[in-house]
């Protein structure tokens, strides 16, 4: 394995971005966007935070294309799993 020289500046910037997004999440929790939109906004912020963590702290940004393909296929697999669960949930009768 080759040794990587990482500077501290991108990690500190990402850390402060995560702090800011966490504060935004808390602030958005007090705002009523309506029934489905409050969840959509919270999930969108969580997706951005998760993407930052995967890209920088898990070193996917700057990795080989094989690592990026593995991460992308894992995300697709999880989305397919959630779609299967959602179709089962929506097919049930609500009473």
PDB file of N, CA and C in Angstrom:
ATOM      1  N   UNK A   1       0.823  -1.177   0.000  1.00  0.00           N
ATOM      2  CA  UNK A   1       0.000   0.000   0.000  1.00  0.00           C
ATOM      3  C   UNK A   1       0.871   1.247   0.000  1.00  0.00           C
ATOM      4  N   UNK A   2       0.496   2.177  -0.806  1.00  0.00           N
ATOM      5  CA  UNK A   2       1.225   3.444  -0.847  1.00  0.00           C
ATOM      6  C   UNK A   2       0.760   4.325   0.299  1.00  0.00           C
ATOM      7  N   UNK A   3       1.681   5.067   0.841  1.00  0.00           N
ATOM      8  CA  UNK A   3       1.334   5.964   1.935  1.00  0.00           C
ATOM      9  C   UNK A   3       0.779   7.251   1.360  1.00  0.00           C
ATOM     10  N   UNK A   4      -0.304   7.726   1.943  1.00  0.00           N
ATOM     11  CA  UNK A   4      -0.956   8.943   1.464  1.00  0.00           C
ATOM     12  C   UNK A   4      -0.604  10.091   2.388  1.00  0.00           C
ATOM     13  N   UNK A   5      -0.301  11.218   1.809  1.00  0.00           N
ATOM     14  CA  UNK A   5      -0.082  12.429   2.592  1.00  0.00           C
ATOM     15  C   UNK A   5      -1.357  13.250   2.537  1.00  0.00           C
ATOM     16  N   UNK A   6      -2.044  13.319   3.660  1.00  0.00           N
ATOM     17  CA  UNK A   6      -3.286  14.078   3.728  1.00  0.00           C
ATOM     18  C   UNK A   6      -3.045  15.339   4.548  1.00  0.00           C
ATOM     19  N   UNK A   7      -3.497  16.460   4.024  1.00  0.00           N
ATOM     20  CA  UNK A   7      -3.398  17.677   4.809  1.00  0.00           C
ATOM     21  C   UNK A   7      -4.602  17.750   5.744  1.00  0.00           C
ATOM     22  N   UNK A   8      -4.465  18.522   6.768  1.00  0.00           N
ATOM     23  CA  UNK A   8      -5.499  18.613   7.798  1.00  0.00           C
ATOM     24  C   UNK A   8      -6.638  19.547   7.389  1.00  0.00           C
ATOM     25  N   UNK A   9      -6.368  20.477   6.487  1.00  0.00           N
ATOM     26  CA  UNK A   9      -7.351  21.501   6.129  1.00  0.00           C
ATOM     27  C   UNK A   9      -8.670  20.926   5.594  1.00  0.00           C
ATOM     28  N   UNK A  10      -8.684  19.967   4.649  1.00  0.00           N
ATOM     29  CA  UNK A  10      -9.975  19.457   4.171  1.00  0.00           C
ATOM     30  C   UNK A  10     -10.787  18.767   5.272  1.00  0.00           C
ATOM     31  N   UNK A  11     -10.097  18.090   6.172  1.00  0.00           N
ATOM     32  CA  UNK A  11     -10.807  17.403   7.249  1.00  0.00           C
ATOM     33  C   UNK A  11     -11.445  18.390   8.210  1.00  0.00           C
ATOM     34  N   UNK A  12     -10.753  19.474   8.503  1.00  0.00           N
ATOM     35  CA  UNK A  12     -11.301  20.495   9.389  1.00  0.00           C
ATOM     36  C   UNK A  12     -12.480  21.191   8.712  1.00  0.00           C
ATOM     37  N   UNK A  13     -12.349  21.447   7.414  1.00  0.00           N
ATOM     38  CA  UNK A  13     -13.460  22.083   6.691  1.00  0.00           C
ATOM     39  C   UNK A  13     -14.686  21.171   6.667  1.00  0.00           C
ATOM     40  N   UNK A  14     -14.477  19.887   6.438  1.00  0.00           N
ATOM     41  CA  UNK A  14     -15.594  18.943   6.433  1.00  0.00           C
ATOM     42  C   UNK A  14     -16.193  18.837   7.829  1.00  0.00           C
ATOM     43  N   UNK A  15     -15.353  18.845   8.853  1.00  0.00           N
ATOM     44  CA  UNK A  15     -15.848  18.787  10.223  1.00  0.00           C
ATOM     45  C   UNK A  15     -16.754  19.974  10.532  1.00  0.00           C
ATOM     46  N   UNK A  16     -16.325  21.177  10.147  1.00  0.00           N
ATOM     47  CA  UNK A  16     -17.163  22.350  10.382  1.00  0.00           C
ATOM     48  C   UNK A  16     -18.419  22.328   9.515  1.00  0.00           C
ATOM     49  N   UNK A  17     -18.327  21.773   8.323  1.00  0.00           N
ATOM     50  CA  UNK A  17     -19.527  21.608   7.498  1.00  0.00           C
ATOM     51  C   UNK A  17     -20.510  20.653   8.168  1.00  0.00           C
ATOM     52  N   UNK A  18     -19.993  19.584   8.755  1.00  0.00           N
ATOM     53  CA  UNK A  18     -20.862  18.649   9.476  1.00  0.00           C
ATOM     54  C   UNK A  18     -21.485  19.308  10.698  1.00  0.00           C
ATOM     55  N   UNK A  19     -20.713  20.137  11.407  1.00  0.00           N
ATOM     56  CA  UNK A  19     -21.278  20.884  12.536  1.00  0.00           C
ATOM     57  C   UNK A  19     -22.398  21.808  12.060  1.00  0.00           C
ATOM     58  N   UNK A  20     -22.151  22.507  10.956  1.00  0.00           N
ATOM     59  CA  UNK A  20     -23.167  23.409  10.416  1.00  0.00           C
ATOM     60  C   UNK A  20     -24.416  22.673   9.961  1.00  0.00           C
ATOM     61  N   UNK A  21     -24.220  21.544   9.305  1.00  0.00           N
ATOM     62  CA  UNK A  21     -25.376  20.769   8.852  1.00  0.00           C
ATOM     63  C   UNK A  21     -26.143  20.166  10.025  1.00  0.00           C
ATOM     64  N   UNK A  22     -25.439  19.813  11.093  1.00  0.00           N
ATOM     65  CA  UNK A  22     -26.128  19.325  12.281  1.00  0.00           C
ATOM     66  C   UNK A  22     -26.958  20.437  12.910  1.00  0.00           C
ATOM     67  N   UNK A  23     -26.399  21.648  12.978  1.00  0.00           N
ATOM     68  CA  UNK A  23     -27.167  22.789  13.489  1.00  0.00           C
ATOM     69  C   UNK A  23     -28.368  23.076  12.590  1.00  0.00           C
ATOM     70  N   UNK A  24     -28.184  22.952  11.289  1.00  0.00           N
ATOM     71  CA  UNK A  24     -29.292  23.128  10.353  1.00  0.00           C
ATOM     72  C   UNK A  24     -30.375  22.080  10.573  1.00  0.00           C
ATOM     73  N   UNK A  25     -29.971  20.852  10.834  1.00  0.00           N
ATOM     74  CA  UNK A  25     -30.934  19.788  11.104  1.00  0.00           C
ATOM     75  C   UNK A  25     -31.762  20.105  12.344  1.00  0.00           C
ATOM     76  N   UNK A  26     -31.102  20.576  13.378  1.00  0.00           N
ATOM     77  CA  UNK A  26     -31.811  20.945  14.609  1.00  0.00           C
ATOM     78  C   UNK A  26     -32.754  22.112  14.335  1.00  0.00           C
ATOM     79  N   UNK A  27     -32.298  23.100  13.585  1.00  0.00           N
ATOM     80  CA  UNK A  27     -33.156  24.246  13.267  1.00  0.00           C
ATOM     81  C   UNK A  27     -34.355  23.868  12.424  1.00  0.00           C
ATOM     82  N   UNK A  28     -34.148  22.978  11.470  1.00  0.00           N
ATOM     83  CA  UNK A  28     -35.238  22.543  10.590  1.00  0.00           C
ATOM     84  C   UNK A  28     -36.263  21.717  11.368  1.00  0.00           C
ATOM     85  N   UNK A  29     -35.837  21.070  12.446  1.00  0.00           N
ATOM     86  CA  UNK A  29     -36.759  20.260  13.238  1.00  0.00           C
ATOM     87  C   UNK A  29     -37.852  21.114  13.881  1.00  0.00           C
ATOM     88  N   UNK A  30     -37.573  22.399  14.074  1.00  0.00           N
ATOM     89  CA  UNK A  30     -38.559  23.292  14.680  1.00  0.00           C
ATOM     90  C   UNK A  30     -39.459  23.971  13.661  1.00  0.00           C
ATOM     91  N   UNK A  31     -39.222  23.752  12.382  1.00  0.00           N
ATOM     92  CA  UNK A  31     -40.017  24.350  11.315  1.00  0.00           C
ATOM     93  C   UNK A  31     -40.957  23.292  10.765  1.00  0.00           C
ATOM     94  N   UNK A  32     -42.224  23.671  10.578  1.00  0.00           N
ATOM     95  CA  UNK A  32     -43.204  22.730  10.039  1.00  0.00           C
ATOM     96  C   UNK A  32     -43.342  22.958   8.531  1.00  0.00           C
ATOM     97  N   UNK A  33     -42.853  22.005   7.744  1.00  0.00           N
ATOM     98  CA  UNK A  33     -42.941  22.091   6.292  1.00  0.00           C
ATOM     99  C   UNK A  33     -44.160  21.359   5.750  1.00  0.00           C
ATOM    100  N   UNK A  34     -44.948  20.786   6.597  1.00  0.00           N
ATOM    101  CA  UNK A  34     -46.051  19.951   6.150  1.00  0.00           C
ATOM    102  C   UNK A  34     -45.673  18.490   6.317  1.00  0.00           C
ATOM    103  N   UNK A  35     -46.653  17.621   6.161  1.00  0.00           N
ATOM    104  CA  UNK A  35     -46.457  16.208   6.496  1.00  0.00           C
ATOM    105  C   UNK A  35     -45.281  15.533   5.795  1.00  0.00           C
ATOM    106  N   UNK A  36     -45.243  15.420   4.494  1.00  0.00           N
ATOM    107  CA  UNK A  36     -44.114  14.647   3.950  1.00  0.00           C
ATOM    108  C   UNK A  36     -42.825  15.470   3.851  1.00  0.00           C
ATOM    109  N   UNK A  37     -42.924  16.796   3.771  1.00  0.00           N
ATOM    110  CA  UNK A  37     -41.758  17.609   3.448  1.00  0.00           C
ATOM    111  C   UNK A  37     -40.791  17.765   4.610  1.00  0.00           C
ATOM    112  N   UNK A  38     -41.268  17.694   5.832  1.00  0.00           N
ATOM    113  CA  UNK A  38     -40.354  17.766   6.974  1.00  0.00           C
ATOM    114  C   UNK A  38     -39.394  16.581   6.961  1.00  0.00           C
ATOM    115  N   UNK A  39     -39.919  15.412   6.660  1.00  0.00           N
ATOM    116  CA  UNK A  39     -39.080  14.226   6.575  1.00  0.00           C
ATOM    117  C   UNK A  39     -38.136  14.295   5.379  1.00  0.00           C
ATOM    118  N   UNK A  40     -38.612  14.811   4.266  1.00  0.00           N
ATOM    119  CA  UNK A  40     -37.784  14.910   3.064  1.00  0.00           C
ATOM    120  C   UNK A  40     -36.603  15.856   3.302  1.00  0.00           C
ATOM    121  N   UNK A  41     -36.853  16.986   3.947  1.00  0.00           N
ATOM    122  CA  UNK A  41     -35.781  17.948   4.224  1.00  0.00           C
ATOM    123  C   UNK A  41     -34.765  17.336   5.184  1.00  0.00           C
ATOM    124  N   UNK A  42     -35.239  16.675   6.235  1.00  0.00           N
ATOM    125  CA  UNK A  42     -34.331  16.049   7.199  1.00  0.00           C
ATOM    126  C   UNK A  42     -33.495  14.946   6.538  1.00  0.00           C
ATOM    127  N   UNK A  43     -34.111  14.149   5.682  1.00  0.00           N
ATOM    128  CA  UNK A  43     -33.376  13.091   4.993  1.00  0.00           C
ATOM    129  C   UNK A  43     -32.375  13.659   3.982  1.00  0.00           C
ATOM    130  N   UNK A  44     -32.725  14.767   3.343  1.00  0.00           N
ATOM    131  CA  UNK A  44     -31.799  15.391   2.394  1.00  0.00           C
ATOM    132  C   UNK A  44     -30.549  15.898   3.114  1.00  0.00           C
ATOM    133  N   UNK A  45     -30.737  16.514   4.273  1.00  0.00           N
ATOM    134  CA  UNK A  45     -29.588  16.986   5.050  1.00  0.00           C
ATOM    135  C   UNK A  45     -28.753  15.795   5.521  1.00  0.00           C
ATOM    136  N   UNK A  46     -29.416  14.740   5.969  1.00  0.00           N
ATOM    137  CA  UNK A  46     -28.696  13.539   6.411  1.00  0.00           C
ATOM    138  C   UNK A  46     -27.927  12.904   5.255  1.00  0.00           C
ATOM    139  N   UNK A  47     -28.482  12.939   4.056  1.00  0.00           N
ATOM    140  CA  UNK A  47     -27.791  12.389   2.888  1.00  0.00           C
ATOM    141  C   UNK A  47     -26.529  13.178   2.564  1.00  0.00           C
ATOM    142  N   UNK A  48     -26.607  14.490   2.678  1.00  0.00           N
ATOM    143  CA  UNK A  48     -25.428  15.324   2.432  1.00  0.00           C
ATOM    144  C   UNK A  48     -24.353  15.034   3.479  1.00  0.00           C
ATOM    145  N   UNK A  49     -24.757  14.909   4.749  1.00  0.00           N
ATOM    146  CA  UNK A  49     -23.780  14.610   5.802  1.00  0.00           C
ATOM    147  C   UNK A  49     -23.149  13.235   5.589  1.00  0.00           C
ATOM    148  N   UNK A  50     -23.947  12.252   5.239  1.00  0.00           N
ATOM    149  CA  UNK A  50     -23.411  10.913   5.002  1.00  0.00           C
ATOM    150  C   UNK A  50     -22.463  10.904   3.805  1.00  0.00           C
ATOM    151  N   UNK A  51     -22.794  11.664   2.783  1.00  0.00           N
ATOM    152  CA  UNK A  51     -21.922  11.746   1.608  1.00  0.00           C
ATOM    153  C   UNK A  51     -20.574  12.366   1.952  1.00  0.00           C
ATOM    154  N   UNK A  52     -20.581  13.394   2.792  1.00  0.00           N
ATOM    155  CA  UNK A  52     -19.321  14.004   3.221  1.00  0.00           C
ATOM    156  C   UNK A  52     -18.474  13.023   4.017  1.00  0.00           C
ATOM    157  N   UNK A  53     -19.105  12.283   4.908  1.00  0.00           N
ATOM    158  CA  UNK A  53     -18.362  11.314   5.721  1.00  0.00           C
ATOM    159  C   UNK A  53     -17.764  10.225   4.838  1.00  0.00           C
ATOM    160  N   UNK A  54     -18.563   9.704   3.902  1.00  0.00           N
ATOM    161  CA  UNK A  54     -18.058   8.643   3.022  1.00  0.00           C
ATOM    162  C   UNK A  54     -16.939   9.169   2.131  1.00  0.00           C
ATOM    163  N   UNK A  55     -17.117  10.341   1.571  1.00  0.00           N
ATOM    164  CA  UNK A  55     -16.131  10.861   0.628  1.00  0.00           C
ATOM    165  C   UNK A  55     -14.806  11.200   1.298  1.00  0.00           C
ATOM    166  N   UNK A  56     -14.851  11.845   2.459  1.00  0.00           N
ATOM    167  CA  UNK A  56     -13.613  12.343   3.050  1.00  0.00           C
ATOM    168  C   UNK A  56     -13.063  11.429   4.143  1.00  0.00           C
ATOM    169  N   UNK A  57     -13.885  11.091   5.126  1.00  0.00           N
ATOM    170  CA  UNK A  57     -13.359  10.332   6.253  1.00  0.00           C
ATOM    171  C   UNK A  57     -13.165   8.854   5.925  1.00  0.00           C
ATOM    172  N   UNK A  58     -13.902   8.334   4.954  1.00  0.00           N
ATOM    173  CA  UNK A  58     -13.689   6.953   4.530  1.00  0.00           C
ATOM    174  C   UNK A  58     -12.775   6.890   3.296  1.00  0.00           C
ATOM    175  N   UNK A  59     -12.258   8.038   2.881  1.00  0.00           N
ATOM    176  CA  UNK A  59     -11.262   8.156   1.814  1.00  0.00           C
ATOM    177  C   UNK A  59     -11.731   7.607   0.468  1.00  0.00           C
ATOM    178  N   UNK A  60     -13.022   7.707   0.188  1.00  0.00           N
ATOM    179  CA  UNK A  60     -13.509   7.289  -1.126  1.00  0.00           C
ATOM    180  C   UNK A  60     -13.108   8.319  -2.177  1.00  0.00           C
ATOM    181  N   UNK A  61     -13.117   9.585  -1.791  1.00  0.00           N
ATOM    182  CA  UNK A  61     -12.637  10.626  -2.704  1.00  0.00           C
ATOM    183  C   UNK A  61     -11.138  10.448  -2.848  1.00  0.00           C
ATOM    184  N   UNK A  62     -10.685  10.229  -4.027  1.00  0.00           N
ATOM    185  CA  UNK A  62      -9.271  10.007  -4.266  1.00  0.00           C
ATOM    186  C   UNK A  62      -8.889   8.538  -4.278  1.00  0.00           C
ATOM    187  N   UNK A  63      -9.851   7.646  -4.123  1.00  0.00           N
ATOM    188  CA  UNK A  63      -9.564   6.209  -4.166  1.00  0.00           C
ATOM    189  C   UNK A  63      -9.597   5.708  -5.602  1.00  0.00           C
ATOM    190  N   UNK A  64      -9.341   4.425  -5.736  1.00  0.00           N
ATOM    191  CA  UNK A  64      -9.379   3.816  -7.065  1.00  0.00           C
ATOM    192  C   UNK A  64     -10.820   3.698  -7.540  1.00  0.00           C
ATOM    193  N   UNK A  65     -10.963   3.482  -8.810  1.00  0.00           N
ATOM    194  CA  UNK A  65     -12.311   3.359  -9.366  1.00  0.00           C
ATOM    195  C   UNK A  65     -13.017   2.104  -8.850  1.00  0.00           C
ATOM    196  N   UNK A  66     -12.261   1.086  -8.480  1.00  0.00           N
ATOM    197  CA  UNK A  66     -12.873  -0.131  -7.936  1.00  0.00           C
ATOM    198  C   UNK A  66     -13.563   0.146  -6.600  1.00  0.00           C
ATOM    199  N   UNK A  67     -12.949   0.964  -5.784  1.00  0.00           N
ATOM    200  CA  UNK A  67     -13.558   1.332  -4.501  1.00  0.00           C
ATOM    201  C   UNK A  67     -14.824   2.142  -4.746  1.00  0.00           C
ATOM    202  N   UNK A  68     -14.769   3.059  -5.682  1.00  0.00           N
ATOM    203  CA  UNK A  68     -15.946   3.882  -5.989  1.00  0.00           C
ATOM    204  C   UNK A  68     -17.077   3.032  -6.552  1.00  0.00           C
ATOM    205  N   UNK A  69     -16.752   2.052  -7.392  1.00  0.00           N
ATOM    206  CA  UNK A  69     -17.771   1.143  -7.923  1.00  0.00           C
ATOM    207  C   UNK A  69     -18.367   0.310  -6.797  1.00  0.00           C
ATOM    208  N   UNK A  70     -17.559  -0.124  -5.857  1.00  0.00           N
ATOM    209  CA  UNK A  70     -18.059  -0.911  -4.730  1.00  0.00           C
ATOM    210  C   UNK A  70     -19.014  -0.098  -3.872  1.00  0.00           C
ATOM    211  N   UNK A  71     -18.675   1.154  -3.608  1.00  0.00           N
ATOM    212  CA  UNK A  71     -19.546   2.023  -2.815  1.00  0.00           C
ATOM    213  C   UNK A  71     -20.849   2.283  -3.566  1.00  0.00           C
ATOM    214  N   UNK A  72     -20.745   2.571  -4.853  1.00  0.00           N
ATOM    215  CA  UNK A  72     -21.950   2.840  -5.644  1.00  0.00           C
ATOM    216  C   UNK A  72     -22.856   1.616  -5.721  1.00  0.00           C
ATOM    217  N   UNK A  73     -22.281   0.442  -5.895  1.00  0.00           N
ATOM    218  CA  UNK A  73     -23.119  -0.764  -5.967  1.00  0.00           C
ATOM    219  C   UNK A  73     -23.747  -1.086  -4.622  1.00  0.00           C
ATOM    220  N   UNK A  74     -23.063  -0.765  -3.541  1.00  0.00           N
ATOM    221  CA  UNK A  74     -23.660  -0.956  -2.216  1.00  0.00           C
ATOM    222  C   UNK A  74     -24.857  -0.035  -2.016  1.00  0.00           C
ATOM    223  N   UNK A  75     -24.710   1.199  -2.461  1.00  0.00           N
ATOM    224  CA  UNK A  75     -25.828   2.150  -2.349  1.00  0.00           C
ATOM    225  C   UNK A  75     -27.006   1.695  -3.194  1.00  0.00           C
ATOM    226  N   UNK A  76     -26.738   1.230  -4.402  1.00  0.00           N
ATOM    227  CA  UNK A  76     -27.820   0.724  -5.264  1.00  0.00           C
ATOM    228  C   UNK A  76     -28.502  -0.481  -4.614  1.00  0.00           C
ATOM    229  N   UNK A  77     -27.720  -1.366  -4.012  1.00  0.00           N
ATOM    230  CA  UNK A  77     -28.297  -2.531  -3.334  1.00  0.00           C
ATOM    231  C   UNK A  77     -29.198  -2.139  -2.183  1.00  0.00           C
ATOM    232  N   UNK A  78     -28.787  -1.164  -1.400  1.00  0.00           N
ATOM    233  CA  UNK A  78     -29.618  -0.699  -0.285  1.00  0.00           C
ATOM    234  C   UNK A  78     -30.890  -0.041  -0.810  1.00  0.00           C
ATOM    235  N   UNK A  79     -30.787   0.734  -1.888  1.00  0.00           N
ATOM    236  CA  UNK A  79     -31.985   1.354  -2.472  1.00  0.00           C
ATOM    237  C   UNK A  79     -32.959   0.303  -2.989  1.00  0.00           C
ATOM    238  N   UNK A  80     -32.453  -0.740  -3.609  1.00  0.00           N
ATOM    239  CA  UNK A  80     -33.332  -1.823  -4.072  1.00  0.00           C
ATOM    240  C   UNK A  80     -34.011  -2.496  -2.892  1.00  0.00           C
ATOM    241  N   UNK A  81     -33.268  -2.725  -1.823  1.00  0.00           N
ATOM    242  CA  UNK A  81     -33.833  -3.326  -0.619  1.00  0.00           C
ATOM    243  C   UNK A  81     -34.957  -2.455  -0.050  1.00  0.00           C
ATOM    244  N   UNK A  82     -34.729  -1.130   0.018  1.00  0.00           N
ATOM    245  CA  UNK A  82     -35.758  -0.235   0.519  1.00  0.00           C
ATOM    246  C   UNK A  82     -36.972  -0.190  -0.407  1.00  0.00           C
ATOM    247  N   UNK A  83     -36.760  -0.290  -1.716  1.00  0.00           N
ATOM    248  CA  UNK A  83     -37.890  -0.307  -2.646  1.00  0.00           C
ATOM    249  C   UNK A  83     -38.737  -1.554  -2.445  1.00  0.00           C
ATOM    250  N   UNK A  84     -38.103  -2.684  -2.204  1.00  0.00           N
ATOM    251  CA  UNK A  84     -38.850  -3.922  -1.951  1.00  0.00           C
ATOM    252  C   UNK A  84     -39.675  -3.784  -0.680  1.00  0.00           C
ATOM    253  N   UNK A  85     -39.067  -3.226   0.358  1.00  0.00           N
ATOM    254  CA  UNK A  85     -39.801  -3.027   1.612  1.00  0.00           C
ATOM    255  C   UNK A  85     -40.960  -2.066   1.404  1.00  0.00           C
ATOM    256  N   UNK A  86     -40.733  -0.980   0.659  1.00  0.00           N
ATOM    257  CA  UNK A  86     -41.782   0.011   0.437  1.00  0.00           C
ATOM    258  C   UNK A  86     -42.932  -0.565  -0.378  1.00  0.00           C
ATOM    259  N   UNK A  87     -42.642  -1.367  -1.389  1.00  0.00           N
ATOM    260  CA  UNK A  87     -43.734  -1.955  -2.168  1.00  0.00           C
ATOM    261  C   UNK A  87     -44.553  -2.924  -1.320  1.00  0.00           C
ATOM    262  N   UNK A  88     -43.909  -3.670  -0.441  1.00  0.00           N
ATOM    263  CA  UNK A  88     -44.643  -4.555   0.457  1.00  0.00           C
ATOM    264  C   UNK A  88     -45.505  -3.744   1.419  1.00  0.00           C
ATOM    265  N   UNK A  89     -44.955  -2.660   1.930  1.00  0.00           N
ATOM    266  CA  UNK A  89     -45.690  -1.818   2.876  1.00  0.00           C
ATOM    267  C   UNK A  89     -46.900  -1.165   2.209  1.00  0.00           C
ATOM    268  N   UNK A  90     -46.714  -0.679   0.987  1.00  0.00           N
ATOM    269  CA  UNK A  90     -47.811   0.010   0.285  1.00  0.00           C
ATOM    270  C   UNK A  90     -48.874  -0.968  -0.197  1.00  0.00           C
ATOM    271  N   UNK A  91     -48.532  -2.249  -0.379  1.00  0.00           N
ATOM    272  CA  UNK A  91     -49.504  -3.235  -0.855  1.00  0.00           C
ATOM    273  C   UNK A  91     -50.442  -3.691   0.261  1.00  0.00           C
ATOM    274  N   UNK A  92     -50.072  -3.431   1.499  1.00  0.00           N
ATOM    275  CA  UNK A  92     -50.924  -3.875   2.613  1.00  0.00           C
ATOM    276  C   UNK A  92     -52.106  -2.938   2.759  1.00  0.00           C
ATOM    277  N   UNK A  93     -53.203  -3.471   3.239  1.00  0.00           N
ATOM    278  CA  UNK A  93     -54.383  -2.661   3.466  1.00  0.00           C
ATOM    279  C   UNK A  93     -54.250  -1.859   4.741  1.00  0.00           C
ATOM    280  N   UNK A  94     -54.674  -0.607   4.681  1.00  0.00           N
ATOM    281  CA  UNK A  94     -54.637   0.245   5.874  1.00  0.00           C
ATOM    282  C   UNK A  94     -56.036   0.265   6.456  1.00  0.00           C
ATOM    283  N   UNK A  95     -56.150  -0.212   7.695  1.00  0.00           N
ATOM    284  CA  UNK A  95     -57.479  -0.171   8.315  1.00  0.00           C
ATOM    285  C   UNK A  95     -57.405   0.346   9.719  1.00  0.00           C
TER     286      UNK A  95
END
